Amino acid sequence: MILQTPILALLLVAALASAVALWSGWFALRVLRQWDIASGTRAQLRLERSTQLVSTLFGFVMLAEIAALLLFVFNADRMAALFVGAMCAVGTLNVNAYGFPALYLKIAVFFAAAAWLMLDRADRAGRDYPLTKVKYAALLAIVPLILASAGTELAYFLGLETDVITSCCSKLFTPVNEGIAAEMTGLAPGAALWLLAGAGFAVAATGGLSLATGRGHGWFALGGAVFFAAALAAIVSVISLYIYDHPNHHCPFCILKPEFNYFGYALYIPLFSGTALALGAGLVSAFGRAESLAPVLPAMLRRQVTGALIAFALFGLAVIWAIARSQLILFG
């Protein structure tokens, strides 16, 4: 099973990411000890040239990790037909104890990678590379996450056995169970929609404030995180019901299947993109006092906030479309 093309591609990305992360982490230690932009020594000049190479390679790996999350989820859904009891990605991820931890770690790597790429972009925009030490300290923090993700992913794929009877989504996303999935499933549909609307208003207000005044990006990042959590809860609690036209089918993974026109991707791609941009804007804005970034950072932040708001709006339109086209009536 591990010889399937998507699995090999995912393992290749994980292995490449781990190797580049270890090498980049070793180099980051040198940067944190020796970096001095005011110095004109030959060692500093060599270090500056090396940072360009390391940052570029690590950036490419981070882009690959971002794409790998999409492939991981798509492959998990595609493989459901191979396991007894599996209806979607939930069954595939439940085949062994490493499935869902691998998914959660890939999501964490996704957001960490997106944040680092935005930090790197801001650093390159400054003439004196003002965020070099910051981004390499962040790189060091990401290295263990990449290694943990790669190890968990490898353990998951090595442990896949087709003779295992797995559990389907109907057993996980039900209010009678314990855990966060059951809590989201048990959330009243009306309350979930109001919570989503309130979070949407908050993110729109904080985003508008950021665009109008050039300030408050931290609040916008917080609003984006709250909107992300409210959106996931709403997808499980109520939005999925409209997509399935079924009052008891709460699975957030079946909406990725072809029989539902892959509609889940219309929800998740803008939701994850918008959240990453919002968090990135909050992170980058924290270093706005750097003198060399003053001419370029405001425009950069405006683009990030605008991109995040557009992505969240696309998510909202997808939600409205799912409800409008559904024949399910939940509210009298």
C-alpha atoms as a PDB file:
ATOM      1  CA  MET A   1       0.000   0.000   0.000  1.00  0.00           C
ATOM      2  CA  ILE A   2       2.848   2.359   0.765  1.00  0.00           C
ATOM      3  CA  LEU A   3       3.917   2.069  -2.897  1.00  0.00           C
ATOM      4  CA  GLN A   4       0.886   4.018  -4.110  1.00  0.00           C
ATOM      5  CA  THR A   5       1.883   7.174  -5.969  1.00  0.00           C
ATOM      6  CA  PRO A   6       0.204   9.762  -3.660  1.00  0.00           C
ATOM      7  CA  ILE A   7       1.708   8.110  -0.579  1.00  0.00           C
ATOM      8  CA  LEU A   8       5.165   8.042  -2.129  1.00  0.00           C
ATOM      9  CA  ALA A   9       4.786  11.711  -3.080  1.00  0.00           C
ATOM     10  CA  LEU A  10       3.771  12.634   0.464  1.00  0.00           C
ATOM     11  CA  LEU A  11       6.642  10.681   1.991  1.00  0.00           C
ATOM     12  CA  LEU A  12       9.074  12.237  -0.470  1.00  0.00           C
ATOM     13  CA  VAL A  13       7.921  15.730   0.495  1.00  0.00           C
ATOM     14  CA  ALA A  14       8.163  14.812   4.191  1.00  0.00           C
ATOM     15  CA  ALA A  15      11.673  13.399   3.784  1.00  0.00           C
ATOM     16  CA  LEU A  16      12.832  16.404   1.753  1.00  0.00           C
ATOM     17  CA  ALA A  17      11.272  18.807   4.232  1.00  0.00           C
ATOM     18  CA  SER A  18      12.949  17.032   7.153  1.00  0.00           C
ATOM     19  CA  ALA A  19      16.370  17.077   5.488  1.00  0.00           C
ATOM     20  CA  VAL A  20      16.141  20.749   4.496  1.00  0.00           C
ATOM     21  CA  ALA A  21      14.736  21.660   7.919  1.00  0.00           C
ATOM     22  CA  LEU A  22      17.646  19.999   9.739  1.00  0.00           C
ATOM     23  CA  TRP A  23      20.183  21.693   7.483  1.00  0.00           C
ATOM     24  CA  SER A  24      18.398  25.042   7.774  1.00  0.00           C
ATOM     25  CA  GLY A  25      18.125  24.658  11.542  1.00  0.00           C
ATOM     26  CA  TRP A  26      21.886  24.102  11.813  1.00  0.00           C
ATOM     27  CA  PHE A  27      22.452  27.204   9.702  1.00  0.00           C
ATOM     28  CA  ALA A  28      19.945  29.157  11.819  1.00  0.00           C
ATOM     29  CA  LEU A  29      22.117  28.584  14.870  1.00  0.00           C
ATOM     30  CA  ARG A  30      25.011  30.237  13.029  1.00  0.00           C
ATOM     31  CA  VAL A  31      22.822  33.182  12.067  1.00  0.00           C
ATOM     32  CA  LEU A  32      21.590  33.714  15.613  1.00  0.00           C
ATOM     33  CA  ARG A  33      25.172  33.666  16.939  1.00  0.00           C
ATOM     34  CA  GLN A  34      27.010  35.578  14.226  1.00  0.00           C
ATOM     35  CA  TRP A  35      24.583  37.846  12.343  1.00  0.00           C
ATOM     36  CA  ASP A  36      25.583  41.514  12.478  1.00  0.00           C
ATOM     37  CA  ILE A  37      24.316  43.561   9.557  1.00  0.00           C
ATOM     38  CA  ALA A  38      26.443  46.527  10.617  1.00  0.00           C
ATOM     39  CA  SER A  39      29.603  44.491  10.182  1.00  0.00           C
ATOM     40  CA  GLY A  40      31.477  44.606   6.871  1.00  0.00           C
ATOM     41  CA  THR A  41      33.629  41.561   7.519  1.00  0.00           C
ATOM     42  CA  ARG A  42      34.083  38.818   4.964  1.00  0.00           C
ATOM     43  CA  ALA A  43      32.372  36.338   7.304  1.00  0.00           C
ATOM     44  CA  GLN A  44      29.290  38.543   7.493  1.00  0.00           C
ATOM     45  CA  LEU A  45      29.167  38.926   3.709  1.00  0.00           C
ATOM     46  CA  ARG A  46      29.377  35.148   3.262  1.00  0.00           C
ATOM     47  CA  LEU A  47      26.651  34.727   5.864  1.00  0.00           C
ATOM     48  CA  GLU A  48      24.409  37.192   4.036  1.00  0.00           C
ATOM     49  CA  ARG A  49      24.826  35.315   0.742  1.00  0.00           C
ATOM     50  CA  SER A  50      24.168  32.012   2.464  1.00  0.00           C
ATOM     51  CA  THR A  51      20.965  33.292   4.041  1.00  0.00           C
ATOM     52  CA  GLN A  52      19.546  33.924   0.576  1.00  0.00           C
ATOM     53  CA  LEU A  53      20.171  30.304  -0.429  1.00  0.00           C
ATOM     54  CA  VAL A  54      18.881  28.794   2.799  1.00  0.00           C
ATOM     55  CA  SER A  55      15.793  31.002   2.898  1.00  0.00           C
ATOM     56  CA  THR A  56      14.952  30.176  -0.718  1.00  0.00           C
ATOM     57  CA  LEU A  57      15.308  26.420  -0.233  1.00  0.00           C
ATOM     58  CA  PHE A  58      13.376  26.441   3.028  1.00  0.00           C
ATOM     59  CA  GLY A  59      10.697  28.588   1.400  1.00  0.00           C
ATOM     60  CA  PHE A  60      10.251  26.070  -1.431  1.00  0.00           C
ATOM     61  CA  VAL A  61       9.941  23.283   1.129  1.00  0.00           C
ATOM     62  CA  MET A  62       7.316  25.247   3.026  1.00  0.00           C
ATOM     63  CA  LEU A  63       5.317  25.711  -0.180  1.00  0.00           C
ATOM     64  CA  ALA A  64       5.533  21.949  -0.759  1.00  0.00           C
ATOM     65  CA  GLU A  65       4.280  21.312   2.780  1.00  0.00           C
ATOM     66  CA  ILE A  66       1.319  23.623   2.181  1.00  0.00           C
ATOM     67  CA  ALA A  67       0.394  21.659  -0.953  1.00  0.00           C
ATOM     68  CA  ALA A  68       0.996  18.368   0.884  1.00  0.00           C
ATOM     69  CA  LEU A  69      -1.884  19.055   3.281  1.00  0.00           C
ATOM     70  CA  LEU A  70      -4.311  19.143   0.359  1.00  0.00           C
ATOM     71  CA  LEU A  71      -2.860  15.953  -1.118  1.00  0.00           C
ATOM     72  CA  PHE A  72      -2.939  14.206   2.274  1.00  0.00           C
ATOM     73  CA  VAL A  73      -6.645  14.881   2.749  1.00  0.00           C
ATOM     74  CA  PHE A  74      -7.487  14.035  -0.865  1.00  0.00           C
ATOM     75  CA  ASN A  75      -5.578  10.760  -0.636  1.00  0.00           C
ATOM     76  CA  ALA A  76      -7.221   9.819   2.672  1.00  0.00           C
ATOM     77  CA  ASP A  77     -10.638  10.250   1.086  1.00  0.00           C
ATOM     78  CA  ARG A  78      -9.605   8.351  -2.053  1.00  0.00           C
ATOM     79  CA  MET A  79      -8.331   5.391  -0.038  1.00  0.00           C
ATOM     80  CA  ALA A  80     -11.567   4.938   1.913  1.00  0.00           C
ATOM     81  CA  ALA A  81     -12.735   2.292  -0.565  1.00  0.00           C
ATOM     82  CA  LEU A  82      -9.826   0.054   0.485  1.00  0.00           C
ATOM     83  CA  PHE A  83     -10.891  -0.380   4.117  1.00  0.00           C
ATOM     84  CA  VAL A  84     -13.876  -2.212   5.519  1.00  0.00           C
ATOM     85  CA  GLY A  85     -16.201   0.176   7.333  1.00  0.00           C
ATOM     86  CA  ALA A  86     -14.698   3.347   5.866  1.00  0.00           C
ATOM     87  CA  MET A  87     -16.969   5.743   3.997  1.00  0.00           C
ATOM     88  CA  CYS A  88     -14.623   8.722   3.734  1.00  0.00           C
ATOM     89  CA  ALA A  89     -11.328  10.067   5.051  1.00  0.00           C
ATOM     90  CA  VAL A  90     -12.481   9.523   8.644  1.00  0.00           C
ATOM     91  CA  GLY A  91     -12.414   5.762   8.175  1.00  0.00           C
ATOM     92  CA  THR A  92      -9.002   5.897   6.508  1.00  0.00           C
ATOM     93  CA  LEU A  93      -7.540   8.051   9.278  1.00  0.00           C
ATOM     94  CA  ASN A  94      -9.008   5.704  11.909  1.00  0.00           C
ATOM     95  CA  VAL A  95      -7.220   2.641  10.518  1.00  0.00           C
ATOM     96  CA  ASN A  96      -4.477   3.154  13.105  1.00  0.00           C
ATOM     97  CA  ALA A  97      -3.609   5.478  15.949  1.00  0.00           C
ATOM     98  CA  TYR A  98      -1.420   7.758  13.813  1.00  0.00           C
ATOM     99  CA  GLY A  99      -3.982   8.921  11.228  1.00  0.00           C
ATOM    100  CA  PHE A 100      -5.585  11.884  12.949  1.00  0.00           C
ATOM    101  CA  PRO A 101      -2.371  12.994  14.707  1.00  0.00           C
ATOM    102  CA  ALA A 102      -0.730  13.053  11.261  1.00  0.00           C
ATOM    103  CA  LEU A 103      -3.555  15.252   9.949  1.00  0.00           C
ATOM    104  CA  TYR A 104      -3.390  17.638  12.913  1.00  0.00           C
ATOM    105  CA  LEU A 105       0.371  17.978  12.567  1.00  0.00           C
ATOM    106  CA  LYS A 106       0.076  18.687   8.841  1.00  0.00           C
ATOM    107  CA  ILE A 107      -2.453  21.426   9.610  1.00  0.00           C
ATOM    108  CA  ALA A 108      -0.049  22.894  12.176  1.00  0.00           C
ATOM    109  CA  VAL A 109       2.785  22.770   9.624  1.00  0.00           C
ATOM    110  CA  PHE A 110       0.498  24.449   7.075  1.00  0.00           C
ATOM    111  CA  PHE A 111      -0.086  27.492   9.272  1.00  0.00           C
ATOM    112  CA  ALA A 112       3.521  27.600  10.471  1.00  0.00           C
ATOM    113  CA  ALA A 113       4.779  27.429   6.889  1.00  0.00           C
ATOM    114  CA  ALA A 114       2.421  30.172   5.717  1.00  0.00           C
ATOM    115  CA  ALA A 115       3.436  32.438   8.611  1.00  0.00           C
ATOM    116  CA  TRP A 116       7.146  31.859   7.971  1.00  0.00           C
ATOM    117  CA  LEU A 117       6.798  32.593   4.257  1.00  0.00           C
ATOM    118  CA  MET A 118       5.128  35.920   5.028  1.00  0.00           C
ATOM    119  CA  LEU A 119       7.807  36.727   7.589  1.00  0.00           C
ATOM    120  CA  ASP A 120      10.507  35.897   5.039  1.00  0.00           C
ATOM    121  CA  ARG A 121       8.826  38.093   2.434  1.00  0.00           C
ATOM    122  CA  ALA A 122       8.746  41.024   4.837  1.00  0.00           C
ATOM    123  CA  ASP A 123      12.405  40.511   5.732  1.00  0.00           C
ATOM    124  CA  ARG A 124      13.466  40.525   2.070  1.00  0.00           C
ATOM    125  CA  ALA A 125      11.562  43.791   1.550  1.00  0.00           C
ATOM    126  CA  GLY A 126      13.817  45.638   4.002  1.00  0.00           C
ATOM    127  CA  ARG A 127      17.124  46.906   2.669  1.00  0.00           C
ATOM    128  CA  ASP A 128      18.985  45.763   5.804  1.00  0.00           C
ATOM    129  CA  TYR A 129      17.080  42.467   6.292  1.00  0.00           C
ATOM    130  CA  PRO A 130      15.704  43.573   9.671  1.00  0.00           C
ATOM    131  CA  LEU A 131      13.855  40.335  10.468  1.00  0.00           C
ATOM    132  CA  THR A 132      16.644  37.884   9.693  1.00  0.00           C
ATOM    133  CA  LYS A 133      17.223  36.806  13.277  1.00  0.00           C
ATOM    134  CA  VAL A 134      13.484  36.692  13.923  1.00  0.00           C
ATOM    135  CA  LYS A 135      12.702  34.477  10.945  1.00  0.00           C
ATOM    136  CA  TYR A 136      15.601  32.109  11.701  1.00  0.00           C
ATOM    137  CA  ALA A 137      14.486  31.824  15.321  1.00  0.00           C
ATOM    138  CA  ALA A 138      11.035  30.994  13.960  1.00  0.00           C
ATOM    139  CA  LEU A 139      12.632  28.479  11.594  1.00  0.00           C
ATOM    140  CA  LEU A 140      14.246  26.737  14.569  1.00  0.00           C
ATOM    141  CA  ALA A 141      10.831  26.493  16.225  1.00  0.00           C
ATOM    142  CA  ILE A 142       9.318  24.968  13.074  1.00  0.00           C
ATOM    143  CA  VAL A 143      11.980  22.258  12.667  1.00  0.00           C
ATOM    144  CA  PRO A 144      10.645  19.972  15.468  1.00  0.00           C
ATOM    145  CA  LEU A 145       7.137  20.379  14.064  1.00  0.00           C
ATOM    146  CA  ILE A 146       8.271  19.271  10.594  1.00  0.00           C
ATOM    147  CA  LEU A 147      10.152  16.283  12.017  1.00  0.00           C
ATOM    148  CA  ALA A 148       7.203  15.245  14.188  1.00  0.00           C
ATOM    149  CA  SER A 149       4.847  15.537  11.221  1.00  0.00           C
ATOM    150  CA  ALA A 150       7.138  13.454   8.990  1.00  0.00           C
ATOM    151  CA  GLY A 151       7.604  10.756  11.626  1.00  0.00           C
ATOM    152  CA  THR A 152       3.903  10.504  12.413  1.00  0.00           C
ATOM    153  CA  GLU A 153       3.010  10.424   8.720  1.00  0.00           C
ATOM    154  CA  LEU A 154       5.515   7.616   8.079  1.00  0.00           C
ATOM    155  CA  ALA A 155       4.183   5.621  11.040  1.00  0.00           C
ATOM    156  CA  TYR A 156       0.641   6.092   9.749  1.00  0.00           C
ATOM    157  CA  PHE A 157       1.385   4.902   6.221  1.00  0.00           C
ATOM    158  CA  LEU A 158       3.502   1.969   7.428  1.00  0.00           C
ATOM    159  CA  GLY A 159       0.654   0.894   9.695  1.00  0.00           C
ATOM    160  CA  LEU A 160      -2.034   0.816   6.995  1.00  0.00           C
ATOM    161  CA  GLU A 161      -3.541  -2.667   6.747  1.00  0.00           C
ATOM    162  CA  THR A 162      -6.496  -3.466   4.515  1.00  0.00           C
ATOM    163  CA  ASP A 163      -7.728  -6.309   6.762  1.00  0.00           C
ATOM    164  CA  VAL A 164      -8.497  -3.874   9.583  1.00  0.00           C
ATOM    165  CA  ILE A 165     -12.162  -3.028  10.181  1.00  0.00           C
ATOM    166  CA  THR A 166     -12.317   0.703  10.781  1.00  0.00           C
ATOM    167  CA  SER A 167     -15.070   3.001  12.037  1.00  0.00           C
ATOM    168  CA  CYS A 168     -16.980   5.386   9.797  1.00  0.00           C
ATOM    169  CA  CYS A 169     -17.803   9.035  10.316  1.00  0.00           C
ATOM    170  CA  SER A 170     -21.287   8.301  11.695  1.00  0.00           C
ATOM    171  CA  LYS A 171     -19.675   6.907  14.857  1.00  0.00           C
ATOM    172  CA  LEU A 172     -17.318   9.835  15.357  1.00  0.00           C
ATOM    173  CA  PHE A 173     -19.520  12.821  14.556  1.00  0.00           C
ATOM    174  CA  THR A 174     -22.423  12.093  16.846  1.00  0.00           C
ATOM    175  CA  PRO A 175     -23.511  13.936  20.021  1.00  0.00           C
ATOM    176  CA  VAL A 176     -23.514  10.735  22.117  1.00  0.00           C
ATOM    177  CA  ASN A 177     -19.703  10.497  22.026  1.00  0.00           C
ATOM    178  CA  GLU A 178     -17.153  12.489  23.996  1.00  0.00           C
ATOM    179  CA  GLY A 179     -14.623  14.912  22.588  1.00  0.00           C
ATOM    180  CA  ILE A 180     -14.472  18.015  20.432  1.00  0.00           C
ATOM    181  CA  ALA A 181     -16.109  16.304  17.428  1.00  0.00           C
ATOM    182  CA  ALA A 182     -19.135  15.394  19.530  1.00  0.00           C
ATOM    183  CA  GLU A 183     -19.279  18.911  21.001  1.00  0.00           C
ATOM    184  CA  MET A 184     -19.381  20.470  17.536  1.00  0.00           C
ATOM    185  CA  THR A 185     -21.947  17.926  16.353  1.00  0.00           C
ATOM    186  CA  GLY A 186     -24.177  18.661  19.330  1.00  0.00           C
ATOM    187  CA  LEU A 187     -24.088  22.431  18.801  1.00  0.00           C
ATOM    188  CA  ALA A 188     -27.563  23.678  17.877  1.00  0.00           C
ATOM    189  CA  PRO A 189     -27.755  24.663  14.179  1.00  0.00           C
ATOM    190  CA  GLY A 190     -29.176  28.089  14.946  1.00  0.00           C
ATOM    191  CA  ALA A 191     -26.529  28.811  17.554  1.00  0.00           C
ATOM    192  CA  ALA A 192     -23.784  27.670  15.165  1.00  0.00           C
ATOM    193  CA  LEU A 193     -24.975  30.021  12.419  1.00  0.00           C
ATOM    194  CA  TRP A 194     -25.276  32.955  14.813  1.00  0.00           C
ATOM    195  CA  LEU A 195     -21.804  32.208  16.148  1.00  0.00           C
ATOM    196  CA  LEU A 196     -20.446  32.134  12.604  1.00  0.00           C
ATOM    197  CA  ALA A 197     -22.221  35.386  11.718  1.00  0.00           C
ATOM    198  CA  GLY A 198     -20.865  37.075  14.847  1.00  0.00           C
ATOM    199  CA  ALA A 199     -17.333  35.912  14.101  1.00  0.00           C
ATOM    200  CA  GLY A 200     -17.744  37.080  10.505  1.00  0.00           C
ATOM    201  CA  PHE A 201     -18.842  40.518  11.682  1.00  0.00           C
ATOM    202  CA  ALA A 202     -15.842  40.697  14.034  1.00  0.00           C
ATOM    203  CA  VAL A 203     -13.348  39.759  11.347  1.00  0.00           C
ATOM    204  CA  ALA A 204     -14.939  42.200   8.879  1.00  0.00           C
ATOM    205  CA  ALA A 205     -14.866  45.012  11.450  1.00  0.00           C
ATOM    206  CA  THR A 206     -11.278  44.424  12.520  1.00  0.00           C
ATOM    207  CA  GLY A 207     -10.197  43.995   8.902  1.00  0.00           C
ATOM    208  CA  GLY A 208     -11.921  47.211   7.900  1.00  0.00           C
ATOM    209  CA  LEU A 209     -10.263  49.006  10.812  1.00  0.00           C
ATOM    210  CA  SER A 210      -6.860  47.690   9.732  1.00  0.00           C
ATOM    211  CA  LEU A 211      -7.378  48.874   6.156  1.00  0.00           C
ATOM    212  CA  ALA A 212      -8.684  52.267   7.208  1.00  0.00           C
ATOM    213  CA  THR A 213      -6.121  53.115   9.883  1.00  0.00           C
ATOM    214  CA  GLY A 214      -3.164  50.822   9.206  1.00  0.00           C
ATOM    215  CA  ARG A 215      -3.424  49.589  12.783  1.00  0.00           C
ATOM    216  CA  GLY A 216      -5.128  46.804  14.718  1.00  0.00           C
ATOM    217  CA  HIS A 217      -3.640  43.913  12.748  1.00  0.00           C
ATOM    218  CA  GLY A 218      -3.264  41.911  15.933  1.00  0.00           C
ATOM    219  CA  TRP A 219      -6.998  42.170  16.552  1.00  0.00           C
ATOM    220  CA  PHE A 220      -7.623  41.152  12.954  1.00  0.00           C
ATOM    221  CA  ALA A 221      -5.439  38.071  13.425  1.00  0.00           C
ATOM    222  CA  LEU A 222      -7.383  37.198  16.569  1.00  0.00           C
ATOM    223  CA  GLY A 223     -10.654  37.711  14.694  1.00  0.00           C
ATOM    224  CA  GLY A 224      -9.420  35.417  11.921  1.00  0.00           C
ATOM    225  CA  ALA A 225      -8.571  32.690  14.433  1.00  0.00           C
ATOM    226  CA  VAL A 226     -12.002  33.005  16.058  1.00  0.00           C
ATOM    227  CA  PHE A 227     -13.685  32.900  12.654  1.00  0.00           C
ATOM    228  CA  PHE A 228     -11.712  29.762  11.773  1.00  0.00           C
ATOM    229  CA  ALA A 229     -12.904  27.978  14.920  1.00  0.00           C
ATOM    230  CA  ALA A 230     -16.512  29.152  14.453  1.00  0.00           C
ATOM    231  CA  ALA A 231     -16.460  28.069  10.793  1.00  0.00           C
ATOM    232  CA  LEU A 232     -15.248  24.559  11.628  1.00  0.00           C
ATOM    233  CA  ALA A 233     -17.936  24.230  14.287  1.00  0.00           C
ATOM    234  CA  ALA A 234     -20.599  25.489  11.881  1.00  0.00           C
ATOM    235  CA  ILE A 235     -19.475  23.096   9.122  1.00  0.00           C
ATOM    236  CA  VAL A 236     -19.893  20.128  11.449  1.00  0.00           C
ATOM    237  CA  SER A 237     -23.026  21.346  13.190  1.00  0.00           C
ATOM    238  CA  VAL A 238     -25.148  22.736  10.353  1.00  0.00           C
ATOM    239  CA  ILE A 239     -23.494  23.529   7.019  1.00  0.00           C
ATOM    240  CA  SER A 240     -22.764  19.872   6.270  1.00  0.00           C
ATOM    241  CA  LEU A 241     -26.436  19.064   6.823  1.00  0.00           C
ATOM    242  CA  TYR A 242     -27.420  21.422   4.028  1.00  0.00           C
ATOM    243  CA  ILE A 243     -24.807  19.993   1.690  1.00  0.00           C
ATOM    244  CA  TYR A 244     -26.004  16.431   2.304  1.00  0.00           C
ATOM    245  CA  ASP A 245     -29.713  17.348   2.467  1.00  0.00           C
ATOM    246  CA  HIS A 246     -29.775  15.142   5.534  1.00  0.00           C
ATOM    247  CA  PRO A 247     -30.567  16.207   9.123  1.00  0.00           C
ATOM    248  CA  ASN A 248     -28.167  13.776  10.807  1.00  0.00           C
ATOM    249  CA  HIS A 249     -25.079  13.575   8.581  1.00  0.00           C
ATOM    250  CA  HIS A 250     -22.495  15.831  10.224  1.00  0.00           C
ATOM    251  CA  CYS A 251     -19.249  14.585   8.682  1.00  0.00           C
ATOM    252  CA  PRO A 252     -16.883  17.412   7.581  1.00  0.00           C
ATOM    253  CA  PHE A 253     -14.971  15.015   5.320  1.00  0.00           C
ATOM    254  CA  CYS A 254     -17.705  13.494   3.154  1.00  0.00           C
ATOM    255  CA  ILE A 255     -18.292  16.935   1.644  1.00  0.00           C
ATOM    256  CA  LEU A 256     -14.956  16.438  -0.127  1.00  0.00           C
ATOM    257  CA  LYS A 257     -16.288  13.478  -2.088  1.00  0.00           C
ATOM    258  CA  PRO A 258     -17.186  13.626  -5.804  1.00  0.00           C
ATOM    259  CA  GLU A 259     -20.838  12.738  -5.148  1.00  0.00           C
ATOM    260  CA  PHE A 260     -21.124  16.084  -3.388  1.00  0.00           C
ATOM    261  CA  ASN A 261     -19.244  17.876  -6.197  1.00  0.00           C
ATOM    262  CA  TYR A 262     -16.119  18.277  -4.030  1.00  0.00           C
ATOM    263  CA  PHE A 263     -17.981  21.130  -2.358  1.00  0.00           C
ATOM    264  CA  GLY A 264     -15.848  20.881   0.757  1.00  0.00           C
ATOM    265  CA  TYR A 265     -12.876  22.306  -1.115  1.00  0.00           C
ATOM    266  CA  ALA A 266     -14.908  25.448  -1.829  1.00  0.00           C
ATOM    267  CA  LEU A 267     -15.203  25.831   1.945  1.00  0.00           C
ATOM    268  CA  TYR A 268     -11.844  24.709   3.239  1.00  0.00           C
ATOM    269  CA  ILE A 269      -9.471  26.307   0.713  1.00  0.00           C
ATOM    270  CA  PRO A 270     -10.678  29.902   1.270  1.00  0.00           C
ATOM    271  CA  LEU A 271     -11.124  29.291   5.006  1.00  0.00           C
ATOM    272  CA  PHE A 272      -7.574  28.026   5.515  1.00  0.00           C
ATOM    273  CA  SER A 273      -6.128  30.631   3.133  1.00  0.00           C
ATOM    274  CA  GLY A 274      -7.917  33.513   4.817  1.00  0.00           C
ATOM    275  CA  THR A 275      -6.919  32.350   8.282  1.00  0.00           C
ATOM    276  CA  ALA A 276      -3.270  31.976   7.258  1.00  0.00           C
ATOM    277  CA  LEU A 277      -3.228  35.483   5.755  1.00  0.00           C
ATOM    278  CA  ALA A 278      -4.894  36.969   8.825  1.00  0.00           C
ATOM    279  CA  LEU A 279      -2.461  35.304  11.214  1.00  0.00           C
ATOM    280  CA  GLY A 280       0.439  36.312   8.991  1.00  0.00           C
ATOM    281  CA  ALA A 281      -0.687  39.931   8.988  1.00  0.00           C
ATOM    282  CA  GLY A 282      -0.810  39.935  12.766  1.00  0.00           C
ATOM    283  CA  LEU A 283       2.649  38.390  12.988  1.00  0.00           C
ATOM    284  CA  VAL A 284       4.339  40.678  10.459  1.00  0.00           C
ATOM    285  CA  SER A 285       2.730  43.830  11.888  1.00  0.00           C
ATOM    286  CA  ALA A 286       4.469  43.167  15.205  1.00  0.00           C
ATOM    287  CA  PHE A 287       7.733  44.221  13.562  1.00  0.00           C
ATOM    288  CA  GLY A 288       6.428  47.407  11.964  1.00  0.00           C
ATOM    289  CA  ARG A 289       8.850  49.580  13.920  1.00  0.00           C
ATOM    290  CA  ALA A 290      11.796  48.426  11.804  1.00  0.00           C
ATOM    291  CA  GLU A 291      12.986  51.561  10.018  1.00  0.00           C
ATOM    292  CA  SER A 292      13.746  49.906   6.684  1.00  0.00           C
ATOM    293  CA  LEU A 293      10.268  48.356   6.567  1.00  0.00           C
ATOM    294  CA  ALA A 294       8.400  51.615   7.099  1.00  0.00           C
ATOM    295  CA  PRO A 295       8.059  52.430   3.357  1.00  0.00           C
ATOM    296  CA  VAL A 296       6.918  48.940   2.274  1.00  0.00           C
ATOM    297  CA  LEU A 297       5.209  47.243   5.199  1.00  0.00           C
ATOM    298  CA  PRO A 298       1.885  49.174   5.151  1.00  0.00           C
ATOM    299  CA  ALA A 299       1.204  48.180   1.535  1.00  0.00           C
ATOM    300  CA  MET A 300       2.211  44.607   2.258  1.00  0.00           C
ATOM    301  CA  LEU A 301      -0.136  44.422   5.229  1.00  0.00           C
ATOM    302  CA  ARG A 302      -2.981  45.946   3.218  1.00  0.00           C
ATOM    303  CA  ARG A 303      -2.581  43.208   0.599  1.00  0.00           C
ATOM    304  CA  GLN A 304      -2.578  40.502   3.250  1.00  0.00           C
ATOM    305  CA  VAL A 305      -5.650  41.881   5.016  1.00  0.00           C
ATOM    306  CA  THR A 306      -7.472  42.385   1.710  1.00  0.00           C
ATOM    307  CA  GLY A 307      -6.597  38.854   0.612  1.00  0.00           C
ATOM    308  CA  ALA A 308      -7.822  37.440   3.913  1.00  0.00           C
ATOM    309  CA  LEU A 309     -11.109  39.359   3.709  1.00  0.00           C
ATOM    310  CA  ILE A 310     -11.670  38.166   0.128  1.00  0.00           C
ATOM    311  CA  ALA A 311     -10.989  34.572   1.159  1.00  0.00           C
ATOM    312  CA  PHE A 312     -13.380  34.806   4.120  1.00  0.00           C
ATOM    313  CA  ALA A 313     -16.000  36.381   1.843  1.00  0.00           C
ATOM    314  CA  LEU A 314     -15.639  33.480  -0.605  1.00  0.00           C
ATOM    315  CA  PHE A 315     -16.177  31.084   2.281  1.00  0.00           C
ATOM    316  CA  GLY A 316     -19.306  33.004   3.274  1.00  0.00           C
ATOM    317  CA  LEU A 317     -20.648  32.924  -0.282  1.00  0.00           C
ATOM    318  CA  ALA A 318     -20.066  29.168  -0.419  1.00  0.00           C
ATOM    319  CA  VAL A 319     -22.016  28.763   2.823  1.00  0.00           C
ATOM    320  CA  ILE A 320     -24.906  30.872   1.514  1.00  0.00           C
ATOM    321  CA  TRP A 321     -24.915  28.883  -1.731  1.00  0.00           C
ATOM    322  CA  ALA A 322     -24.995  25.570   0.161  1.00  0.00           C
ATOM    323  CA  ILE A 323     -27.969  26.705   2.233  1.00  0.00           C
ATOM    324  CA  ALA A 324     -29.836  28.330  -0.675  1.00  0.00           C
ATOM    325  CA  ARG A 325     -29.611  25.314  -3.002  1.00  0.00           C
ATOM    326  CA  SER A 326     -30.454  22.755  -0.331  1.00  0.00           C
ATOM    327  CA  GLN A 327     -33.922  21.228   0.011  1.00  0.00           C
ATOM    328  CA  LEU A 328     -33.383  20.622   3.706  1.00  0.00           C
ATOM    329  CA  ILE A 329     -35.515  22.739   6.059  1.00  0.00           C
ATOM    330  CA  LEU A 330     -34.045  23.056   9.546  1.00  0.00           C
ATOM    331  CA  PHE A 331     -35.882  26.174  10.706  1.00  0.00           C
ATOM    332  CA  GLY A 332     -39.612  26.586  10.461  1.00  0.00           C
END
